[in-house]
N, C-alpha and C. Protein backbone atom coordinates (compact mmCIF):
# COMPACT_ATOMS: atom_id res chain seq x y z
N UNK A 1 95.30 115.18 148.40
CA UNK A 1 94.86 113.88 148.85
C UNK A 1 95.93 112.85 148.48
N UNK A 2 96.30 112.02 149.41
CA UNK A 2 97.31 110.98 149.17
C UNK A 2 96.65 109.62 149.25
N UNK A 3 96.98 108.79 148.27
CA UNK A 3 96.43 107.44 148.25
C UNK A 3 97.50 106.45 148.67
N UNK A 4 97.10 105.47 149.42
CA UNK A 4 98.02 104.42 149.83
C UNK A 4 98.18 103.43 148.68
N UNK A 5 99.34 102.81 148.58
CA UNK A 5 99.52 101.80 147.53
C UNK A 5 98.62 100.60 147.79
N UNK A 6 98.29 99.84 146.75
CA UNK A 6 97.46 98.66 146.96
C UNK A 6 98.13 97.66 147.89
N UNK A 7 97.34 97.00 148.69
CA UNK A 7 97.84 96.00 149.62
C UNK A 7 97.25 94.65 149.22
N UNK A 8 98.12 93.68 149.06
CA UNK A 8 97.65 92.33 148.75
C UNK A 8 97.72 91.50 150.01
N UNK A 9 96.62 90.84 150.32
CA UNK A 9 96.56 89.99 151.49
C UNK A 9 96.31 88.57 151.00
N UNK A 10 97.18 87.65 151.40
CA UNK A 10 97.03 86.27 150.98
C UNK A 10 95.84 85.63 151.69
N UNK A 11 95.04 84.92 150.91
CA UNK A 11 93.88 84.22 151.46
C UNK A 11 94.35 83.11 152.41
N UNK A 12 93.75 83.05 153.58
CA UNK A 12 94.14 82.04 154.58
C UNK A 12 93.71 80.63 154.18
N UNK A 13 92.70 80.53 153.31
CA UNK A 13 92.19 79.22 152.92
C UNK A 13 93.01 78.62 151.77
N UNK A 14 93.18 79.38 150.69
CA UNK A 14 93.85 78.83 149.49
C UNK A 14 95.33 79.17 149.43
N UNK A 15 95.81 80.07 150.30
CA UNK A 15 97.21 80.50 150.33
C UNK A 15 97.66 81.10 148.99
N UNK A 16 96.76 81.88 148.36
CA UNK A 16 97.10 82.57 147.12
C UNK A 16 96.98 81.74 145.86
N UNK A 17 96.51 80.52 145.99
CA UNK A 17 96.41 79.64 144.82
C UNK A 17 95.10 79.85 144.07
N UNK A 18 94.13 80.55 144.63
CA UNK A 18 92.86 80.93 144.02
C UNK A 18 91.86 79.78 143.85
N UNK A 19 92.17 78.61 144.36
CA UNK A 19 91.27 77.47 144.23
C UNK A 19 91.24 76.70 145.55
N UNK A 20 90.11 76.01 145.79
CA UNK A 20 90.02 75.22 147.02
C UNK A 20 90.84 73.93 146.91
N UNK A 21 91.00 73.25 148.02
CA UNK A 21 91.84 72.05 148.10
C UNK A 21 91.36 70.97 147.14
N UNK A 22 90.06 70.77 147.03
CA UNK A 22 89.51 69.74 146.16
C UNK A 22 89.86 70.01 144.69
N UNK A 23 89.74 71.26 144.27
CA UNK A 23 90.06 71.63 142.89
C UNK A 23 91.54 71.43 142.61
N UNK A 24 92.38 71.76 143.58
CA UNK A 24 93.82 71.62 143.39
C UNK A 24 94.28 70.16 143.34
N UNK A 25 93.43 69.25 143.76
CA UNK A 25 93.78 67.82 143.68
C UNK A 25 93.64 67.27 142.26
N UNK A 26 92.89 67.96 141.41
CA UNK A 26 92.72 67.53 140.03
C UNK A 26 93.98 67.94 139.26
N UNK A 27 94.58 66.97 138.55
CA UNK A 27 95.82 67.25 137.84
C UNK A 27 95.74 66.80 136.40
N UNK A 28 96.48 67.52 135.55
CA UNK A 28 96.63 67.16 134.14
C UNK A 28 98.12 67.05 133.89
N UNK A 29 98.57 65.88 133.53
CA UNK A 29 100.00 65.61 133.33
C UNK A 29 100.82 66.08 134.53
N UNK A 30 100.32 65.78 135.72
CA UNK A 30 101.04 66.06 136.95
C UNK A 30 100.94 67.47 137.49
N UNK A 31 100.18 68.34 136.84
CA UNK A 31 100.08 69.74 137.28
C UNK A 31 98.63 70.08 137.60
N UNK A 32 98.42 70.82 138.71
CA UNK A 32 97.07 71.29 139.03
C UNK A 32 96.85 72.66 138.38
N UNK A 33 95.66 73.18 138.49
CA UNK A 33 95.30 74.42 137.81
C UNK A 33 96.15 75.60 138.26
N UNK A 34 96.50 75.67 139.53
CA UNK A 34 97.34 76.78 140.01
C UNK A 34 98.73 76.70 139.38
N UNK A 35 99.28 75.49 139.26
CA UNK A 35 100.60 75.33 138.65
C UNK A 35 100.55 75.65 137.15
N UNK A 36 99.46 75.30 136.51
CA UNK A 36 99.31 75.59 135.09
C UNK A 36 99.20 77.10 134.87
N UNK A 37 98.43 77.78 135.70
CA UNK A 37 98.29 79.23 135.56
C UNK A 37 99.60 79.96 135.85
N UNK A 38 100.52 79.31 136.55
CA UNK A 38 101.81 79.91 136.86
C UNK A 38 102.84 79.66 135.75
N UNK A 39 102.48 78.85 134.75
CA UNK A 39 103.39 78.57 133.63
C UNK A 39 103.41 79.74 132.66
N UNK A 40 104.54 79.89 131.98
CA UNK A 40 104.58 80.83 130.86
C UNK A 40 103.89 80.16 129.67
N UNK A 41 103.57 80.95 128.67
CA UNK A 41 102.96 80.40 127.47
C UNK A 41 103.89 79.39 126.81
N UNK A 42 105.19 79.70 126.78
CA UNK A 42 106.18 78.77 126.21
C UNK A 42 106.16 77.44 126.96
N UNK A 43 106.13 77.48 128.29
CA UNK A 43 106.09 76.25 129.09
C UNK A 43 104.79 75.49 128.85
N UNK A 44 103.69 76.21 128.72
CA UNK A 44 102.39 75.57 128.52
C UNK A 44 102.30 74.87 127.17
N UNK A 45 102.93 75.44 126.14
CA UNK A 45 102.93 74.78 124.82
C UNK A 45 103.56 73.41 124.94
N UNK A 46 104.67 73.31 125.68
CA UNK A 46 105.32 72.02 125.89
C UNK A 46 104.44 71.10 126.74
N UNK A 47 103.86 71.64 127.82
CA UNK A 47 103.07 70.83 128.73
C UNK A 47 101.84 70.23 128.04
N UNK A 48 101.20 71.01 127.17
CA UNK A 48 99.98 70.56 126.51
C UNK A 48 100.22 69.97 125.12
N UNK A 49 101.48 69.60 124.85
CA UNK A 49 101.82 69.03 123.55
C UNK A 49 100.87 67.87 123.22
N UNK A 50 100.34 67.89 122.01
CA UNK A 50 99.39 66.86 121.59
C UNK A 50 97.94 67.28 121.76
N UNK A 51 97.67 68.28 122.58
CA UNK A 51 96.31 68.79 122.77
C UNK A 51 96.17 70.04 121.89
N UNK A 52 95.86 69.82 120.62
CA UNK A 52 95.86 70.91 119.65
C UNK A 52 94.81 71.97 119.92
N UNK A 53 93.74 71.61 120.60
CA UNK A 53 92.71 72.58 120.95
C UNK A 53 93.32 73.70 121.81
N UNK A 54 94.26 73.34 122.68
CA UNK A 54 94.91 74.32 123.55
C UNK A 54 96.16 74.89 122.90
N UNK A 55 97.02 74.03 122.35
CA UNK A 55 98.31 74.52 121.83
C UNK A 55 98.16 75.42 120.62
N UNK A 56 97.13 75.23 119.80
CA UNK A 56 96.95 76.11 118.65
C UNK A 56 96.78 77.56 119.10
N UNK A 57 96.02 77.78 120.15
CA UNK A 57 95.80 79.14 120.66
C UNK A 57 97.07 79.68 121.33
N UNK A 58 97.76 78.82 122.07
CA UNK A 58 98.99 79.24 122.73
C UNK A 58 100.07 79.59 121.71
N UNK A 59 100.13 78.85 120.62
CA UNK A 59 101.15 79.12 119.60
C UNK A 59 100.91 80.45 118.90
N UNK A 60 99.66 80.86 118.80
CA UNK A 60 99.37 82.19 118.24
C UNK A 60 99.92 83.26 119.17
N UNK A 61 99.78 83.07 120.48
CA UNK A 61 100.35 84.02 121.44
C UNK A 61 101.88 84.03 121.34
N UNK A 62 102.47 82.86 121.13
CA UNK A 62 103.92 82.80 120.91
C UNK A 62 104.31 83.57 119.65
N UNK A 63 103.50 83.45 118.60
CA UNK A 63 103.85 84.07 117.33
C UNK A 63 103.85 85.59 117.40
N UNK A 64 103.17 86.17 118.38
CA UNK A 64 103.20 87.63 118.55
C UNK A 64 104.20 88.04 119.63
N UNK A 65 105.05 87.09 120.04
CA UNK A 65 106.13 87.41 120.98
C UNK A 65 105.73 87.45 122.43
N UNK A 66 104.70 86.70 122.81
CA UNK A 66 104.24 86.73 124.20
C UNK A 66 104.52 85.42 124.94
N UNK A 67 105.48 84.65 124.49
CA UNK A 67 105.78 83.37 125.12
C UNK A 67 106.21 83.47 126.57
N UNK A 68 106.70 84.62 126.98
CA UNK A 68 107.18 84.83 128.35
C UNK A 68 106.07 85.16 129.34
N UNK A 69 104.89 85.51 128.85
CA UNK A 69 103.77 85.90 129.72
C UNK A 69 103.21 84.66 130.41
N UNK A 70 102.85 84.80 131.67
CA UNK A 70 102.26 83.67 132.40
C UNK A 70 100.79 83.51 132.02
N UNK A 71 100.34 82.28 131.99
CA UNK A 71 98.96 81.97 131.62
C UNK A 71 97.98 82.73 132.52
N UNK A 72 98.23 82.74 133.80
CA UNK A 72 97.31 83.36 134.75
C UNK A 72 97.65 84.79 135.10
N UNK A 73 98.51 85.43 134.32
CA UNK A 73 98.92 86.81 134.62
C UNK A 73 97.72 87.75 134.49
N UNK A 74 97.60 88.63 135.44
CA UNK A 74 96.51 89.60 135.44
C UNK A 74 96.64 90.56 134.27
N UNK A 75 95.53 90.82 133.61
CA UNK A 75 95.53 91.73 132.46
C UNK A 75 95.98 93.14 132.85
N UNK A 76 95.78 93.51 134.10
CA UNK A 76 96.17 94.85 134.54
C UNK A 76 97.68 95.02 134.65
N UNK A 77 98.43 93.92 134.60
CA UNK A 77 99.89 94.01 134.69
C UNK A 77 100.55 94.02 133.32
N UNK A 78 99.76 93.90 132.25
CA UNK A 78 100.32 93.90 130.90
C UNK A 78 100.60 95.32 130.43
N UNK A 79 101.65 95.47 129.66
CA UNK A 79 101.94 96.78 129.06
C UNK A 79 100.94 97.03 127.94
N UNK A 80 100.91 98.26 127.44
CA UNK A 80 100.02 98.59 126.32
C UNK A 80 100.34 97.77 125.09
N UNK A 81 101.65 97.59 124.80
CA UNK A 81 102.06 96.79 123.65
C UNK A 81 101.67 95.33 123.79
N UNK A 82 101.79 94.80 125.01
CA UNK A 82 101.40 93.40 125.25
C UNK A 82 99.90 93.24 125.06
N UNK A 83 99.13 94.19 125.57
CA UNK A 83 97.67 94.12 125.42
C UNK A 83 97.27 94.17 123.95
N UNK A 84 97.94 95.03 123.16
CA UNK A 84 97.64 95.10 121.73
C UNK A 84 97.96 93.78 121.05
N UNK A 85 99.09 93.16 121.43
CA UNK A 85 99.47 91.90 120.80
C UNK A 85 98.52 90.77 121.17
N UNK A 86 97.95 90.82 122.36
CA UNK A 86 96.94 89.82 122.73
C UNK A 86 95.70 90.00 121.85
N UNK A 87 95.33 91.24 121.59
CA UNK A 87 94.18 91.50 120.71
C UNK A 87 94.47 91.01 119.29
N UNK A 88 95.70 91.22 118.81
CA UNK A 88 96.08 90.73 117.49
C UNK A 88 95.99 89.21 117.46
N UNK A 89 96.51 88.56 118.50
CA UNK A 89 96.46 87.09 118.58
C UNK A 89 95.02 86.60 118.56
N UNK A 90 94.15 87.30 119.25
CA UNK A 90 92.73 86.92 119.24
C UNK A 90 92.16 87.00 117.83
N UNK A 91 92.51 88.05 117.12
CA UNK A 91 92.03 88.20 115.74
C UNK A 91 92.57 87.09 114.85
N UNK A 92 93.80 86.66 115.09
CA UNK A 92 94.39 85.61 114.27
C UNK A 92 93.73 84.25 114.50
N UNK A 93 93.09 84.07 115.65
CA UNK A 93 92.41 82.80 115.92
C UNK A 93 91.01 82.76 115.29
N UNK A 94 90.51 83.91 114.85
CA UNK A 94 89.21 83.97 114.18
C UNK A 94 89.39 83.73 112.69
N UNK A 95 88.29 83.49 112.03
CA UNK A 95 88.33 83.40 110.57
C UNK A 95 88.65 84.79 110.04
N UNK A 96 89.75 84.86 109.30
CA UNK A 96 90.18 86.16 108.79
C UNK A 96 89.59 86.42 107.42
N UNK A 97 89.84 87.60 106.90
CA UNK A 97 89.36 87.96 105.57
C UNK A 97 88.13 88.83 105.61
N UNK A 98 87.87 89.45 106.74
CA UNK A 98 86.69 90.30 106.90
C UNK A 98 86.93 91.71 106.36
N UNK A 99 88.12 91.97 105.82
CA UNK A 99 88.49 93.30 105.37
C UNK A 99 88.35 94.31 106.52
N UNK A 100 89.10 94.05 107.55
CA UNK A 100 89.08 94.86 108.77
C UNK A 100 90.27 95.80 108.78
N UNK A 101 90.08 97.00 109.34
CA UNK A 101 91.17 97.94 109.53
C UNK A 101 91.65 97.81 110.98
N UNK A 102 92.93 97.50 111.14
CA UNK A 102 93.53 97.39 112.46
C UNK A 102 94.38 98.64 112.68
N UNK A 103 94.18 99.34 113.79
CA UNK A 103 94.93 100.54 114.13
C UNK A 103 95.72 100.24 115.40
N UNK A 104 97.05 100.29 115.30
CA UNK A 104 97.92 99.99 116.43
C UNK A 104 98.72 101.22 116.81
N UNK A 105 98.80 101.48 118.10
CA UNK A 105 99.53 102.63 118.60
C UNK A 105 100.80 102.16 119.30
N UNK A 106 101.95 102.38 118.67
CA UNK A 106 103.27 102.05 119.21
C UNK A 106 103.35 100.59 119.71
N UNK A 107 103.03 99.61 118.87
CA UNK A 107 103.05 98.22 119.33
C UNK A 107 104.44 97.68 119.63
N UNK A 108 105.50 98.38 119.23
CA UNK A 108 106.85 97.86 119.46
C UNK A 108 107.46 98.33 120.77
N UNK A 109 106.74 99.13 121.54
CA UNK A 109 107.28 99.67 122.78
C UNK A 109 107.80 98.54 123.67
N UNK A 110 109.07 98.60 124.01
CA UNK A 110 109.68 97.62 124.90
C UNK A 110 110.06 96.31 124.24
N UNK A 111 109.90 96.19 122.93
CA UNK A 111 110.19 94.93 122.26
C UNK A 111 111.64 94.85 121.77
N UNK A 112 112.19 93.66 121.83
CA UNK A 112 113.50 93.36 121.25
C UNK A 112 113.31 93.23 119.74
N UNK A 113 114.40 93.41 118.97
CA UNK A 113 114.31 93.30 117.50
C UNK A 113 113.72 91.97 117.06
N UNK A 114 114.07 90.91 117.74
CA UNK A 114 113.53 89.58 117.42
C UNK A 114 112.00 89.59 117.54
N UNK A 115 111.49 90.19 118.62
CA UNK A 115 110.05 90.26 118.82
C UNK A 115 109.37 91.17 117.80
N UNK A 116 110.07 92.22 117.38
CA UNK A 116 109.53 93.11 116.35
C UNK A 116 109.37 92.34 115.04
N UNK A 117 110.36 91.51 114.71
CA UNK A 117 110.26 90.68 113.50
C UNK A 117 109.07 89.73 113.59
N UNK A 118 108.85 89.17 114.77
CA UNK A 118 107.70 88.28 114.97
C UNK A 118 106.40 89.06 114.78
N UNK A 119 106.34 90.26 115.34
CA UNK A 119 105.15 91.10 115.21
C UNK A 119 104.91 91.46 113.75
N UNK A 120 105.96 91.81 113.02
CA UNK A 120 105.82 92.14 111.60
C UNK A 120 105.27 90.94 110.82
N UNK A 121 105.73 89.76 111.15
CA UNK A 121 105.25 88.55 110.49
C UNK A 121 103.74 88.37 110.71
N UNK A 122 103.31 88.61 111.93
CA UNK A 122 101.90 88.48 112.26
C UNK A 122 101.07 89.55 111.55
N UNK A 123 101.56 90.78 111.52
CA UNK A 123 100.84 91.85 110.83
C UNK A 123 100.74 91.56 109.34
N UNK A 124 101.80 90.99 108.78
CA UNK A 124 101.76 90.61 107.36
C UNK A 124 100.70 89.54 107.10
N UNK A 125 100.49 88.64 108.05
CA UNK A 125 99.43 87.62 107.90
C UNK A 125 98.06 88.29 107.82
N UNK A 126 97.86 89.32 108.65
CA UNK A 126 96.59 90.06 108.61
C UNK A 126 96.39 90.71 107.25
N UNK A 127 97.45 91.31 106.71
CA UNK A 127 97.37 91.98 105.41
C UNK A 127 97.14 90.97 104.29
N UNK A 128 97.83 89.82 104.36
CA UNK A 128 97.67 88.78 103.34
C UNK A 128 96.23 88.27 103.27
N UNK A 129 95.51 88.37 104.36
CA UNK A 129 94.11 87.92 104.40
C UNK A 129 93.14 89.01 103.95
N UNK A 130 93.67 90.12 103.43
CA UNK A 130 92.80 91.16 102.90
C UNK A 130 92.46 92.27 103.87
N UNK A 131 93.11 92.30 105.02
CA UNK A 131 92.87 93.35 106.00
C UNK A 131 93.88 94.47 105.81
N UNK A 132 93.62 95.59 106.44
CA UNK A 132 94.55 96.73 106.42
C UNK A 132 95.06 96.97 107.83
N UNK A 133 96.34 97.31 107.93
CA UNK A 133 96.95 97.59 109.23
C UNK A 133 97.55 98.98 109.18
N UNK A 134 97.14 99.83 110.10
CA UNK A 134 97.67 101.18 110.23
C UNK A 134 98.39 101.25 111.58
N UNK A 135 99.66 101.69 111.55
CA UNK A 135 100.48 101.68 112.75
C UNK A 135 101.00 103.08 113.03
N UNK A 136 100.80 103.56 114.23
CA UNK A 136 101.43 104.80 114.70
C UNK A 136 102.71 104.34 115.38
N UNK A 137 103.85 104.73 114.82
CA UNK A 137 105.10 104.12 115.27
C UNK A 137 106.28 105.07 115.07
N UNK A 138 107.30 104.92 115.93
CA UNK A 138 108.54 105.68 115.82
C UNK A 138 109.75 104.76 115.69
N UNK A 139 109.55 103.46 115.76
CA UNK A 139 110.64 102.50 115.70
C UNK A 139 111.08 102.32 114.25
N UNK A 140 112.34 102.64 113.96
CA UNK A 140 112.85 102.60 112.59
C UNK A 140 112.88 101.18 112.02
N UNK A 141 113.13 100.20 112.88
CA UNK A 141 113.13 98.80 112.42
C UNK A 141 111.75 98.43 111.88
N UNK A 142 110.73 98.95 112.51
CA UNK A 142 109.36 98.70 112.07
C UNK A 142 109.04 99.54 110.83
N UNK A 143 109.42 100.82 110.86
CA UNK A 143 109.08 101.72 109.76
C UNK A 143 109.69 101.29 108.43
N UNK A 144 110.89 100.72 108.47
CA UNK A 144 111.53 100.31 107.21
C UNK A 144 110.74 99.21 106.50
N UNK A 145 109.86 98.53 107.22
CA UNK A 145 109.09 97.42 106.66
C UNK A 145 107.69 97.83 106.19
N UNK A 146 107.34 99.09 106.37
CA UNK A 146 106.00 99.55 106.01
C UNK A 146 105.87 99.74 104.50
N UNK A 147 104.66 99.54 104.00
CA UNK A 147 104.38 99.78 102.59
C UNK A 147 104.27 101.27 102.30
N UNK A 148 103.72 102.01 103.27
CA UNK A 148 103.43 103.42 103.05
C UNK A 148 103.57 104.15 104.39
N UNK A 149 104.26 105.26 104.38
CA UNK A 149 104.48 106.05 105.60
C UNK A 149 103.91 107.44 105.39
N UNK A 150 103.22 107.95 106.41
CA UNK A 150 102.78 109.33 106.45
C UNK A 150 103.60 109.99 107.55
N UNK A 151 104.51 110.88 107.16
CA UNK A 151 105.42 111.54 108.09
C UNK A 151 104.87 112.91 108.43
N UNK A 152 104.47 113.08 109.70
CA UNK A 152 103.96 114.37 110.17
C UNK A 152 105.04 115.07 110.97
N UNK A 153 105.05 116.39 110.93
CA UNK A 153 106.07 117.11 111.67
C UNK A 153 106.10 118.56 111.27
N UNK A 154 107.23 119.18 111.21
CA UNK A 154 108.54 118.57 111.38
C UNK A 154 108.92 118.34 112.84
N UNK A 155 108.23 118.99 113.77
CA UNK A 155 108.48 118.80 115.20
C UNK A 155 107.17 118.40 115.87
N UNK A 156 107.14 118.49 117.19
CA UNK A 156 105.92 118.22 117.94
C UNK A 156 105.25 119.51 118.36
N UNK A 157 104.10 119.39 118.99
CA UNK A 157 103.38 120.55 119.51
C UNK A 157 102.97 121.53 118.43
N UNK A 158 103.17 122.83 118.70
CA UNK A 158 102.79 123.88 117.75
C UNK A 158 103.58 123.81 116.44
N UNK A 159 104.76 123.20 116.48
CA UNK A 159 105.61 123.09 115.29
C UNK A 159 105.40 121.78 114.54
N UNK A 160 104.35 121.08 114.86
CA UNK A 160 104.11 119.78 114.23
C UNK A 160 102.75 119.72 113.57
N UNK A 161 102.44 118.53 113.11
CA UNK A 161 101.12 118.29 112.54
C UNK A 161 101.00 118.55 111.05
N UNK A 162 102.08 119.00 110.42
CA UNK A 162 102.05 119.21 108.97
C UNK A 162 102.50 117.94 108.28
N UNK A 163 102.01 117.74 107.06
CA UNK A 163 102.47 116.62 106.25
C UNK A 163 103.85 116.97 105.70
N UNK A 164 104.86 116.24 106.14
CA UNK A 164 106.24 116.48 105.70
C UNK A 164 106.54 115.61 104.49
N UNK A 165 106.12 114.36 104.54
CA UNK A 165 106.39 113.43 103.43
C UNK A 165 105.40 112.29 103.52
N UNK A 166 105.16 111.64 102.38
CA UNK A 166 104.30 110.46 102.34
C UNK A 166 104.78 109.57 101.20
N UNK A 167 104.72 108.27 101.46
CA UNK A 167 105.11 107.31 100.43
C UNK A 167 105.83 106.13 101.02
N UNK A 168 106.50 105.39 100.17
CA UNK A 168 107.30 104.24 100.60
C UNK A 168 108.48 104.74 101.43
N UNK A 169 109.09 103.86 102.24
CA UNK A 169 110.24 104.30 103.04
C UNK A 169 111.33 104.97 102.20
N UNK A 170 111.55 104.48 100.98
CA UNK A 170 112.56 105.07 100.10
C UNK A 170 112.20 106.51 99.73
N UNK A 171 110.91 106.82 99.62
CA UNK A 171 110.47 108.18 99.33
C UNK A 171 110.71 109.10 100.52
N UNK A 172 110.50 108.57 101.71
CA UNK A 172 110.65 109.38 102.93
C UNK A 172 112.10 109.80 103.11
N UNK A 173 113.05 108.90 102.84
CA UNK A 173 114.47 109.25 103.05
C UNK A 173 114.96 110.28 102.04
N UNK A 174 114.25 110.43 100.94
CA UNK A 174 114.66 111.42 99.93
C UNK A 174 114.11 112.82 100.22
N UNK A 175 113.21 112.93 101.18
CA UNK A 175 112.62 114.24 101.51
C UNK A 175 113.55 114.97 102.50
N UNK A 176 114.15 116.09 102.10
CA UNK A 176 115.13 116.78 102.95
C UNK A 176 114.56 117.31 104.27
N UNK A 177 113.27 117.64 104.33
CA UNK A 177 112.67 118.17 105.56
C UNK A 177 112.28 117.08 106.56
N UNK A 178 112.36 115.83 106.14
CA UNK A 178 111.88 114.74 106.99
C UNK A 178 112.93 114.29 108.00
N UNK A 179 112.64 114.53 109.29
CA UNK A 179 113.52 114.00 110.34
C UNK A 179 113.43 112.47 110.37
N UNK A 180 112.25 111.95 110.11
CA UNK A 180 112.08 110.50 110.06
C UNK A 180 112.98 109.92 108.97
N UNK A 181 113.00 110.56 107.82
CA UNK A 181 113.84 110.10 106.72
C UNK A 181 115.31 110.08 107.08
N UNK A 182 115.74 111.09 107.83
CA UNK A 182 117.14 111.18 108.26
C UNK A 182 117.52 109.96 109.11
N UNK A 183 116.64 109.58 110.04
CA UNK A 183 116.93 108.45 110.92
C UNK A 183 116.62 107.10 110.27
N UNK A 184 115.74 107.11 109.29
CA UNK A 184 115.35 105.87 108.61
C UNK A 184 116.40 105.42 107.59
N UNK A 185 117.11 106.36 107.01
CA UNK A 185 118.05 106.06 105.91
C UNK A 185 119.04 104.94 106.24
N UNK A 186 119.72 104.96 107.39
CA UNK A 186 120.68 103.87 107.68
C UNK A 186 120.00 102.49 107.79
N UNK A 187 118.73 102.46 108.17
CA UNK A 187 118.02 101.18 108.30
C UNK A 187 117.70 100.57 106.95
N UNK A 188 117.56 101.39 105.95
CA UNK A 188 117.24 100.87 104.60
C UNK A 188 118.46 100.24 103.95
N UNK A 189 119.64 100.56 104.46
CA UNK A 189 120.87 99.99 103.91
C UNK A 189 121.15 98.60 104.45
N UNK A 190 120.43 98.21 105.51
CA UNK A 190 120.68 96.92 106.16
C UNK A 190 120.00 95.80 105.42
């Protein structure tokens, strides 16, 4: 069975703006709702400067490295890492300190080192508030910053799943059987 790719058809009434003419006439600082939804989070922080009710939430999204995402971007177009970071941002806007365990699966996928540093800063905020963060990760830049690593291996599939090493990053690099330790060692020197 073969499926056809999705087809998008522009609405003849709103021309893809998602709102009727009357709604689009309402403006805030010269922009209507369609133009605002087309802004990136970074642009919206500037546009809504002084409106702390809005900018406080947008700045949390910036802090997890999502400033490039458009306000009205469909959730189905977000990567897995982006979706996880939106969930983290949501948690940061709530009252923290609930002693919650956060489990993240490869949150650094597709991120630049700068964005990884931002993500680490946010995860540290969660930990500082008494929460625990568990990360399934292969990015050495991220692993070097962990308090405790559980290294499973030594390979994948039938040759994996054994505990190879556990402890601080410095402990992992001292374990001769650890492939993770081999690749992690140069990062600890930086």
